Amino acid sequence: MIEPKYGDKGTIEPDIFSIWFNPIFIEVQRNVYTKEVMQKKIDLYEDYYDTGDWKDEPWQKPDKKVFPSILIITPT
């Protein structure tokens, strides 16, 4: 899925969600971001994890709930 939405503005917005053996959130960063900006993105993923909403996604297996890995692709 390209740019799936997981809530209102200010929540996670990965560039791609994919299942390749396991679920993966993919962020493609073409610009150079400061450490603070990247930490904010990571904090948003941690906040999403804490909500537990990911456990209700339709792709989840009923017997084993898995939080997606996060892959950040960046030139630096």
C-alpha atoms as a PDB file:
ATOM      1  CA  MET A   1       0.000   0.000   0.000  1.00  0.00           C
ATOM      2  CA  ILE A   2       1.322   3.439  -0.873  1.00  0.00           C
ATOM      3  CA  GLU A   3       1.063   6.152   1.804  1.00  0.00           C
ATOM      4  CA  PRO A   4      -1.531   4.418   4.000  1.00  0.00           C
ATOM      5  CA  LYS A   5      -3.152   6.550   6.695  1.00  0.00           C
ATOM      6  CA  TYR A   6      -3.264   5.312  10.277  1.00  0.00           C
ATOM      7  CA  GLY A   7      -5.112   8.190  11.882  1.00  0.00           C
ATOM      8  CA  ASP A   8      -5.420  11.949  11.811  1.00  0.00           C
ATOM      9  CA  LYS A   9      -2.680  14.290  10.660  1.00  0.00           C
ATOM     10  CA  GLY A  10       0.273  14.001  13.002  1.00  0.00           C
ATOM     11  CA  THR A  11       0.218  10.218  13.211  1.00  0.00           C
ATOM     12  CA  ILE A  12       2.374   7.799  11.260  1.00  0.00           C
ATOM     13  CA  GLU A  13       2.247   8.056   7.485  1.00  0.00           C
ATOM     14  CA  PRO A  14       4.717   5.559   6.022  1.00  0.00           C
ATOM     15  CA  ASP A  15       5.527   5.928   2.341  1.00  0.00           C
ATOM     16  CA  ILE A  16       4.856   2.228   1.839  1.00  0.00           C
ATOM     17  CA  PHE A  17       3.338  -0.605   3.831  1.00  0.00           C
ATOM     18  CA  SER A  18       4.256  -4.053   2.596  1.00  0.00           C
ATOM     19  CA  ILE A  19       4.143  -7.631   3.692  1.00  0.00           C
ATOM     20  CA  TRP A  20       7.222  -9.489   2.566  1.00  0.00           C
ATOM     21  CA  PHE A  21       7.237 -12.522   4.827  1.00  0.00           C
ATOM     22  CA  ASN A  22       6.571 -10.037   7.654  1.00  0.00           C
ATOM     23  CA  PRO A  23       4.852  -6.627   7.704  1.00  0.00           C
ATOM     24  CA  ILE A  24       7.106  -3.641   7.021  1.00  0.00           C
ATOM     25  CA  PHE A  25       6.620   0.126   7.194  1.00  0.00           C
ATOM     26  CA  ILE A  26       8.945   1.790   4.676  1.00  0.00           C
ATOM     27  CA  GLU A  27      10.014   5.426   4.895  1.00  0.00           C
ATOM     28  CA  VAL A  28      11.917   6.853   1.937  1.00  0.00           C
ATOM     29  CA  GLN A  29      13.752  10.023   2.939  1.00  0.00           C
ATOM     30  CA  ARG A  30      15.253  11.816  -0.038  1.00  0.00           C
ATOM     31  CA  ASN A  31      16.153  14.906   1.967  1.00  0.00           C
ATOM     32  CA  VAL A  32      18.608  15.255   4.809  1.00  0.00           C
ATOM     33  CA  TYR A  33      16.759  15.586   8.114  1.00  0.00           C
ATOM     34  CA  THR A  34      18.077  16.665  11.466  1.00  0.00           C
ATOM     35  CA  LYS A  35      18.386  14.182  14.299  1.00  0.00           C
ATOM     36  CA  GLU A  36      15.410  15.882  15.967  1.00  0.00           C
ATOM     37  CA  VAL A  37      13.155  15.475  12.916  1.00  0.00           C
ATOM     38  CA  MET A  38      14.076  11.814  12.559  1.00  0.00           C
ATOM     39  CA  GLN A  39      13.507  11.253  16.281  1.00  0.00           C
ATOM     40  CA  LYS A  40      10.046  12.783  15.941  1.00  0.00           C
ATOM     41  CA  LYS A  41       9.219  10.266  13.194  1.00  0.00           C
ATOM     42  CA  ILE A  42      10.442   7.422  15.396  1.00  0.00           C
ATOM     43  CA  ASP A  43       8.421   8.782  18.315  1.00  0.00           C
ATOM     44  CA  LEU A  44       5.273   8.680  16.143  1.00  0.00           C
ATOM     45  CA  TYR A  45       5.857   4.990  15.412  1.00  0.00           C
ATOM     46  CA  GLU A  46       6.380   4.330  19.122  1.00  0.00           C
ATOM     47  CA  ASP A  47       3.136   6.179  19.883  1.00  0.00           C
ATOM     48  CA  TYR A  48       1.303   4.061  17.310  1.00  0.00           C
ATOM     49  CA  TYR A  49       2.748   0.921  18.886  1.00  0.00           C
ATOM     50  CA  ASP A  50       1.568   2.051  22.319  1.00  0.00           C
ATOM     51  CA  THR A  51      -2.023   2.510  21.081  1.00  0.00           C
ATOM     52  CA  GLY A  52      -2.291  -1.162  20.156  1.00  0.00           C
ATOM     53  CA  ASP A  53      -4.424  -0.188  17.132  1.00  0.00           C
ATOM     54  CA  TRP A  54      -2.052  -2.138  14.873  1.00  0.00           C
ATOM     55  CA  LYS A  55      -3.349  -5.357  16.431  1.00  0.00           C
ATOM     56  CA  ASP A  56      -6.712  -4.770  14.699  1.00  0.00           C
ATOM     57  CA  GLU A  57      -5.328  -4.393  11.163  1.00  0.00           C
ATOM     58  CA  PRO A  58      -6.979  -6.778   8.656  1.00  0.00           C
ATOM     59  CA  TRP A  59      -3.643  -8.348   7.690  1.00  0.00           C
ATOM     60  CA  GLN A  60      -2.937  -9.535  11.237  1.00  0.00           C
ATOM     61  CA  LYS A  61      -3.033 -13.266  11.871  1.00  0.00           C
ATOM     62  CA  PRO A  62      -5.565 -14.111  14.577  1.00  0.00           C
ATOM     63  CA  ASP A  63      -3.117 -16.255  16.544  1.00  0.00           C
ATOM     64  CA  LYS A  64      -0.039 -13.982  16.393  1.00  0.00           C
ATOM     65  CA  LYS A  65      -0.113 -10.177  16.386  1.00  0.00           C
ATOM     66  CA  VAL A  66       3.036  -8.613  14.900  1.00  0.00           C
ATOM     67  CA  PHE A  67       4.082  -4.962  14.830  1.00  0.00           C
ATOM     68  CA  PRO A  68       5.677  -4.136  11.454  1.00  0.00           C
ATOM     69  CA  SER A  69       9.388  -3.607  11.118  1.00  0.00           C
ATOM     70  CA  ILE A  70      10.376  -0.077  10.141  1.00  0.00           C
ATOM     71  CA  LEU A  71      12.770   0.405   7.243  1.00  0.00           C
ATOM     72  CA  ILE A  72      14.085   3.922   6.691  1.00  0.00           C
ATOM     73  CA  ILE A  73      15.856   4.447   3.381  1.00  0.00           C
ATOM     74  CA  THR A  74      17.968   7.588   3.237  1.00  0.00           C
ATOM     75  CA  PRO A  75      20.996   8.813   1.313  1.00  0.00           C
ATOM     76  CA  THR A  76      22.846   9.630   4.556  1.00  0.00           C
END
